[in-house]
C-alpha cells in the first residue's frame, strides 16, 4: 500500500469540504454523487479526482481520502471510527466546525501580525540610513544589514512551518521526538495535551452515542491521540475496562489536565445512563477553553511582537547598535 501524501488543503478549504460532505450525508446523497459537486483549489484537483476514482473502485472514504492527500491522518482516523459506528455525518460536521474555527483563528492572528511585521521591515530599511548617508556604510553594507535579518526570520518561519506540517501529517499512532519538548513548553504544552484529550473524549462519545460497544470504541478513540506518551497512558484504560472497571474508575488512575471535571461528568453520565452525552459535554467544555486560549494568543502575541520591535528600534536609535552583530569590515 503506498504511503499517504501530505494533505493539500488549507484550513478553510478543509472546512468547506467537510461542510459539503456533512450536508450531502444528512440528505442521503451517495458519496459518489456528493463528490461530483465538491469545490477544491486548483492544486487539489488531481487529489479530488484520485479520491473519486478510489471511491468508485470500492474504497472507503477514510482510506481513500488519506491516500489522495485530501485528509490528514487525524481526519482519516476519526472517519474510520465513524464508519464503523455509523455516525459519519456527525463527524463530518464536527470536522467542519473544528477547521472553520481554526481557519478563523489563523486568519485573525495573521491579520494582527501584519502591523508589527510592517514596522519591523520598515525599521530594517530606516535604521541603517544615517550610517549610509554619513558615509559609514557602503551600499553593499546597507543591503546586507537589511537583508540578512529578513533571511534569518524567513528561515525560522519556514522551519517552524515545516515542523508543524510534519506533525500535522504524521501517521496516526506515530511517535514524534518533539512530543516531550512540546508538552514541557509553558502554555502551549498544556494546550497540546488538552487538544488531544478533547479529540479522545469527543470521538469516544460519538462512537458510544452511535451504539458502538465500549471495548470496541476505546482503541479507536486512543488512536486519535497524536501525543505518543499520552496515548500510551490512555491505552491502559482499555485493559481496566476489560477487568470490569467503569470508565470513571479506569480514568481515575491516570493524571491528565481537566481530570476533575472529566471524572465528575463521567460518573454522572454512568449513573444516569447518559455517558455519551457526558463525554460530548466535556469535549465541548475543553473546546471552549481551547478557543479562549487561541483568542488570547491572537490578541497578545501581535502586541508582544509589536512592543519588541519598538523597543529594538528605540535601542538601536539610542546606541547605534543596530540589529544583531556588527557588519563585516569588508562591507562597511
Protein backbone atom coordinates (compact mmCIF):
# COMPACT_ATOMS: atom_id res chain seq x y z
CA UNK A 1 0.00 0.00 0.00
CA UNK A 2 1.53 3.36 -0.99
CA UNK A 3 2.23 5.82 1.76
CA UNK A 4 -0.32 8.66 2.09
CA UNK A 5 0.55 12.03 0.63
CA UNK A 6 0.54 15.19 2.75
CA UNK A 7 -2.83 16.95 2.87
CA UNK A 8 -3.16 19.53 0.09
CA UNK A 9 -5.96 21.65 1.55
CA UNK A 10 -5.60 24.60 3.88
CA UNK A 11 -7.86 25.02 6.91
CA UNK A 12 -10.59 26.99 5.15
CA UNK A 13 -10.73 24.55 2.23
CA UNK A 14 -10.94 21.58 4.61
CA UNK A 15 -13.81 23.26 6.47
CA UNK A 16 -15.65 23.81 3.18
CA UNK A 17 -15.05 20.20 2.11
CA UNK A 18 -16.38 18.66 5.32
CA UNK A 19 -19.34 21.07 5.43
CA UNK A 20 -20.34 19.87 1.97
CA UNK A 21 -19.86 16.20 2.85
CA UNK A 22 -21.91 16.61 6.05
CA UNK A 23 -24.79 18.23 4.17
CA UNK A 24 -24.76 15.53 1.50
CA UNK A 25 -24.57 12.74 4.08
CA UNK A 26 -27.52 14.16 6.04
CA UNK A 27 -29.51 14.45 2.82
CA UNK A 28 -28.81 10.81 1.98
CA UNK A 29 -26.88 11.58 -1.20
CA UNK A 30 -24.50 8.75 -2.20
CA UNK A 31 -20.87 9.67 -1.69
CA UNK A 32 -20.06 9.21 -5.39
CA UNK A 33 -22.61 11.89 -6.32
CA UNK A 34 -21.63 14.11 -3.39
CA UNK A 35 -18.03 14.23 -4.60
CA UNK A 36 -19.11 15.45 -8.06
CA UNK A 37 -20.11 18.84 -6.63
CA UNK A 38 -17.12 19.31 -4.30
CA UNK A 39 -15.15 22.52 -4.88
CA UNK A 40 -11.41 22.44 -4.10
CA UNK A 41 -8.47 24.72 -5.01
CA UNK A 42 -6.73 24.11 -8.34
CA UNK A 43 -3.72 22.44 -6.70
CA UNK A 44 -6.04 19.77 -5.21
CA UNK A 45 -7.98 18.93 -8.38
CA UNK A 46 -5.84 15.87 -9.08
CA UNK A 47 -6.26 14.69 -5.47
CA UNK A 48 -10.05 15.04 -5.77
CA UNK A 49 -10.00 13.02 -9.00
CA UNK A 50 -7.96 10.35 -7.23
CA UNK A 51 -10.48 10.27 -4.37
CA UNK A 52 -13.38 9.89 -6.80
CA UNK A 53 -11.60 7.05 -8.60
CA UNK A 54 -10.86 5.19 -5.38
CA UNK A 55 -14.43 5.58 -4.11
CA UNK A 56 -15.79 4.30 -7.44
CA UNK A 57 -13.44 1.33 -7.06
CA UNK A 58 -14.98 0.39 -3.72
CA UNK A 59 -12.56 2.02 -1.27
CA UNK A 60 -13.92 3.60 1.91
CA UNK A 61 -13.86 7.38 2.38
CA UNK A 62 -11.37 7.40 5.27
CA UNK A 63 -8.70 5.39 3.45
CA UNK A 64 -9.26 6.98 0.04
CA UNK A 65 -9.18 10.50 1.46
CA UNK A 66 -5.88 9.83 3.22
CA UNK A 67 -4.24 8.24 0.18
CA UNK A 68 -5.43 11.03 -2.12
CA UNK A 69 -3.97 13.75 0.12
CA UNK A 70 -7.26 15.49 0.94
CA UNK A 71 -7.45 14.18 4.53
CA UNK A 72 -4.90 14.28 7.32
CA UNK A 73 -4.16 11.13 9.36
CA UNK A 74 -6.34 12.50 12.19
CA UNK A 75 -9.21 13.09 9.77
CA UNK A 76 -8.87 9.55 8.47
CA UNK A 77 -8.74 8.02 11.95
CA UNK A 78 -11.89 9.85 13.05
CA UNK A 79 -13.73 8.96 9.85
CA UNK A 80 -12.70 5.32 10.08
CA UNK A 81 -14.18 5.18 13.57
CA UNK A 82 -17.30 6.98 12.35
CA UNK A 83 -17.73 4.50 9.50
CA UNK A 84 -17.60 1.62 11.98
CA UNK A 85 -20.13 3.24 14.31
CA UNK A 86 -22.50 4.77 11.77
CA UNK A 87 -22.04 8.43 12.81
CA UNK A 88 -20.34 9.66 9.64
CA UNK A 89 -22.48 12.79 9.24
CA UNK A 90 -21.78 13.86 12.82
CA UNK A 91 -18.01 13.50 12.36
CA UNK A 92 -18.15 15.41 9.07
CA UNK A 93 -19.95 18.23 10.88
CA UNK A 94 -17.52 18.19 13.81
CA UNK A 95 -14.53 18.34 11.49
CA UNK A 96 -16.12 21.16 9.51
CA UNK A 97 -16.74 23.20 12.67
CA UNK A 98 -13.25 22.49 14.00
CA UNK A 99 -11.48 23.50 10.80
CA UNK A 100 -13.68 26.57 10.45
CA UNK A 101 -12.69 27.66 13.96
CA UNK A 102 -9.02 27.06 13.28
CA UNK A 103 -9.20 28.92 9.96
CA UNK A 104 -10.80 31.94 11.63
CA UNK A 105 -8.22 31.95 14.41
CA UNK A 106 -5.31 31.62 11.98
CA UNK A 107 -6.70 34.46 9.86
CA UNK A 108 -7.10 36.65 12.95
CA UNK A 109 -3.50 36.05 14.06
CA UNK A 110 -2.14 36.73 10.56
CA UNK A 111 -4.09 39.97 10.21
CA UNK A 112 -2.96 41.20 13.63
CA UNK A 113 0.67 40.35 12.85
CA UNK A 114 0.68 42.49 9.71
CA UNK A 115 1.31 45.76 11.58
CA UNK A 116 4.32 44.61 13.66
CA UNK A 117 5.74 42.83 10.59
CA UNK A 118 5.41 46.00 8.52
CA UNK A 119 7.01 48.07 11.29
CA UNK A 120 9.91 45.59 11.51
CA UNK A 121 10.58 45.69 7.77
CA UNK A 122 10.35 49.48 7.76
CA UNK A 123 12.76 49.67 10.69
CA UNK A 124 15.27 47.41 8.93
CA UNK A 125 15.34 49.82 5.98
CA UNK A 126 15.35 53.03 8.03
CA UNK A 127 17.74 52.29 10.89
CA UNK A 128 20.97 51.95 8.80
CA UNK A 129 20.15 55.05 6.71
CA UNK A 130 22.03 57.55 8.94
CA UNK A 131 25.21 55.46 8.66
CA UNK A 132 24.73 55.17 4.87
CA UNK A 133 24.19 58.91 4.45
CA UNK A 134 27.12 59.69 6.73
CA UNK A 135 29.43 57.51 4.68
CA UNK A 136 29.98 54.93 7.41
CA UNK A 137 28.26 52.23 5.32
CA UNK A 138 28.63 51.31 1.67
CA UNK A 139 25.65 50.35 -0.48
CA UNK A 140 26.66 46.69 -0.12
CA UNK A 141 26.87 47.04 3.65
CA UNK A 142 23.46 48.71 3.77
CA UNK A 143 21.82 45.97 1.70
CA UNK A 144 23.48 43.26 3.80
CA UNK A 145 22.27 44.88 7.01
CA UNK A 146 18.72 44.93 5.66
CA UNK A 147 18.60 41.51 4.02
CA UNK A 148 20.28 39.17 6.49
CA UNK A 149 17.73 39.68 9.30
CA UNK A 150 14.93 39.05 6.77
CA UNK A 151 16.66 35.87 5.60
CA UNK A 152 17.07 34.63 9.19
CA UNK A 153 13.43 35.37 10.03
CA UNK A 154 12.29 33.70 6.81
CA UNK A 155 14.35 30.60 7.58
CA UNK A 156 12.93 30.39 11.11
CA UNK A 157 9.39 30.73 9.77
CA UNK A 158 10.00 28.02 7.17
CA UNK A 159 11.49 25.70 9.81
CA UNK A 160 8.57 26.23 12.18
CA UNK A 161 6.01 25.72 9.43
CA UNK A 162 7.80 22.58 8.25
CA UNK A 163 7.81 21.07 11.73
CA UNK A 164 4.12 21.91 12.17
CA UNK A 165 3.15 20.32 8.84
CA UNK A 166 5.28 17.26 9.58
CA UNK A 167 3.49 16.77 12.88
CA UNK A 168 0.07 17.50 11.37
CA UNK A 169 0.56 14.89 8.64
CA UNK A 170 2.27 12.24 10.75
CA UNK A 171 0.56 8.82 10.57
CA UNK A 172 -1.88 8.06 13.37
CA UNK A 173 -0.13 6.33 16.24
CA UNK A 174 3.34 7.51 15.21
CA UNK A 175 5.66 8.81 17.93
CA UNK A 176 7.45 12.11 17.44
CA UNK A 177 10.75 13.15 19.06
CA UNK A 178 9.14 16.55 19.64
CA UNK A 179 6.35 15.18 21.86
CA UNK A 180 8.28 15.59 25.11
CA UNK A 181 9.59 19.03 24.18
CA UNK A 182 6.19 20.36 23.13
CA UNK A 183 4.46 19.03 26.24
CA UNK A 184 7.02 20.76 28.51
CA UNK A 185 6.53 24.20 26.94
CA UNK A 186 4.55 26.72 29.01
CA UNK A 187 1.03 27.49 27.77
CA UNK A 188 1.47 25.55 24.53
CA UNK A 189 2.23 22.25 26.29
CA UNK A 190 -0.99 22.08 28.34
CA UNK A 191 -2.94 23.29 25.29
CA UNK A 192 -1.48 20.45 23.20
CA UNK A 193 -2.48 17.86 25.82
CA UNK A 194 -5.97 19.35 26.18
CA UNK A 195 -6.46 19.27 22.42
CA UNK A 196 -5.55 15.57 22.33
CA UNK A 197 -7.84 14.84 25.27
CA UNK A 198 -10.67 16.76 23.63
CA UNK A 199 -10.28 14.66 20.49
CA UNK A 200 -10.24 11.44 22.55
CA UNK A 201 -13.39 12.17 24.56
CA UNK A 202 -15.17 13.68 21.57
CA UNK A 203 -14.61 10.66 19.33
CA UNK A 204 -15.36 8.21 22.16
CA UNK A 205 -18.64 9.99 22.93
CA UNK A 206 -19.69 10.00 19.27
CA UNK A 207 -18.96 6.29 18.85
CA UNK A 208 -20.80 5.34 22.03
CA UNK A 209 -23.71 7.55 21.01
CA UNK A 210 -23.90 5.64 17.71
CA UNK A 211 -24.14 2.35 19.62
CA UNK A 212 -20.57 1.04 19.35
CA UNK A 213 -19.55 -1.11 22.36
CA UNK A 214 -17.11 0.49 24.81
CA UNK A 215 -14.38 -2.13 24.30
CA UNK A 216 -14.53 -1.62 20.54
CA UNK A 217 -14.67 2.19 20.72
CA UNK A 218 -11.77 2.71 23.15
CA UNK A 219 -8.91 1.57 20.86
CA UNK A 220 -10.27 3.73 18.04
CA UNK A 221 -10.54 6.73 20.36
CA UNK A 222 -6.98 6.17 21.63
CA UNK A 223 -5.72 6.15 18.03
CA UNK A 224 -6.97 9.74 17.71
CA UNK A 225 -4.43 10.90 20.35
CA UNK A 226 -1.39 12.19 18.45
CA UNK A 227 0.81 12.75 21.54
CA UNK A 228 2.57 9.38 21.95
CA UNK A 229 3.21 9.44 25.75
CA UNK A 230 -0.41 10.44 26.42
CA UNK A 231 -1.70 7.79 24.03
CA UNK A 232 0.38 5.13 25.80
CA UNK A 233 -1.06 6.12 29.19
CA UNK A 234 -4.64 6.06 27.90
CA UNK A 235 -4.18 2.64 26.31
CA UNK A 236 -4.31 1.25 29.86
CA UNK A 237 -7.98 2.31 30.08
CA UNK A 238 -8.94 -0.49 27.69
CA UNK A 239 -7.33 -3.12 29.94
CA UNK A 240 -9.05 -1.70 33.02
CA UNK A 241 -12.45 -1.83 31.29
CA UNK A 242 -11.80 -5.46 30.32
CA UNK A 243 -11.20 -6.24 34.01
CA UNK A 244 -14.64 -4.91 34.91
CA UNK A 245 -13.87 -1.34 35.95
CA UNK A 246 -16.10 1.55 34.96
CA UNK A 247 -14.73 4.28 32.69
CA UNK A 248 -14.51 6.70 35.64
CA UNK A 249 -12.58 4.15 37.71
CA UNK A 250 -10.19 3.45 34.83
CA UNK A 251 -9.55 7.16 34.23
CA UNK A 252 -9.08 7.93 37.92
CA UNK A 253 -5.77 6.02 37.83
CA UNK A 254 -4.42 8.47 35.23
CA UNK A 255 -3.22 12.04 35.61
CA UNK A 256 -4.26 14.47 32.88
CA UNK A 257 -5.36 18.12 32.57
CA UNK A 258 -9.01 18.63 33.44
CA UNK A 259 -9.27 15.26 35.20
CA UNK A 260 -11.54 16.50 37.98
CA UNK A 261 -14.21 17.87 35.66
CA UNK A 262 -13.96 14.85 33.36
CA UNK A 263 -14.42 12.34 36.18
CA UNK A 264 -17.35 14.28 37.62
CA UNK A 265 -19.21 14.36 34.31
CA UNK A 266 -18.39 10.72 33.51
CA UNK A 267 -19.59 9.47 36.91
CA UNK A 268 -22.83 11.41 36.45
CA UNK A 269 -23.25 10.01 32.95
CA UNK A 270 -22.61 6.42 34.06
CA UNK A 271 -25.08 6.74 36.93
CA UNK A 272 -27.81 8.25 34.75
CA UNK A 273 -27.20 6.21 31.61
CA UNK A 274 -26.14 9.25 29.59
CA UNK A 275 -22.41 8.57 29.30
CA UNK A 276 -22.10 9.53 25.60
CA UNK A 277 -23.74 12.91 26.24
CA UNK A 278 -21.47 13.49 29.26
CA UNK A 279 -18.37 12.76 27.20
CA UNK A 280 -19.52 15.13 24.46
CA UNK A 281 -20.29 17.81 27.06
CA UNK A 282 -16.79 17.52 28.46
CA UNK A 283 -15.30 17.72 24.95
CA UNK A 284 -17.39 20.85 24.34
CA UNK A 285 -16.08 22.46 27.53
CA UNK A 286 -12.49 21.70 26.50
CA UNK A 287 -13.16 23.13 23.04
CA UNK A 288 -14.37 26.37 24.61
CA UNK A 289 -11.23 26.58 26.76
CA UNK A 290 -9.01 26.00 23.73
CA UNK A 291 -10.92 28.62 21.75
CA UNK A 292 -10.44 31.09 24.61
CA UNK A 293 -6.70 30.37 24.72
CA UNK A 294 -6.38 30.79 20.96
CA UNK A 295 -8.23 34.09 21.14
CA UNK A 296 -5.88 35.32 23.86
CA UNK A 297 -2.86 34.30 21.77
CA UNK A 298 -4.33 36.08 18.75
CA UNK A 299 -4.74 39.20 20.88
CA UNK A 300 -1.50 39.28 22.85
CA UNK A 301 1.09 37.72 20.52
CA UNK A 302 0.93 40.60 17.99
CA UNK A 303 1.08 43.12 20.83
CA UNK A 304 4.17 41.49 22.31
CA UNK A 305 5.87 41.34 18.93
CA UNK A 306 4.98 44.96 18.23
CA UNK A 307 6.36 46.02 21.62
CA UNK A 308 9.56 44.04 20.95
CA UNK A 309 10.04 45.73 17.59
CA UNK A 310 9.50 49.18 19.09
CA UNK A 311 11.96 48.50 21.93
CA UNK A 312 14.55 47.27 19.44
CA UNK A 313 14.08 50.38 17.32
CA UNK A 314 14.48 52.63 20.36
CA UNK A 315 17.59 50.76 21.49
CA UNK A 316 19.13 50.98 18.04
CA UNK A 317 18.45 54.71 17.74
CA UNK A 318 19.90 55.45 21.18
CA UNK A 319 23.01 53.28 20.93
CA UNK A 320 23.55 52.86 17.21
CA UNK A 321 23.96 49.12 17.81
CA UNK A 322 21.59 48.17 15.01
CA UNK A 323 20.12 44.72 14.56
CA UNK A 324 22.27 41.91 15.90
CA UNK A 325 26.04 41.65 15.29
CA UNK A 326 28.07 44.31 13.53
CA UNK A 327 28.59 44.20 9.80
CA UNK A 328 31.69 42.59 8.32
CA UNK A 329 34.52 45.04 7.93
CA UNK A 330 34.79 44.49 4.17
CA UNK A 331 31.16 45.62 3.75
CA UNK A 332 31.46 48.78 5.84
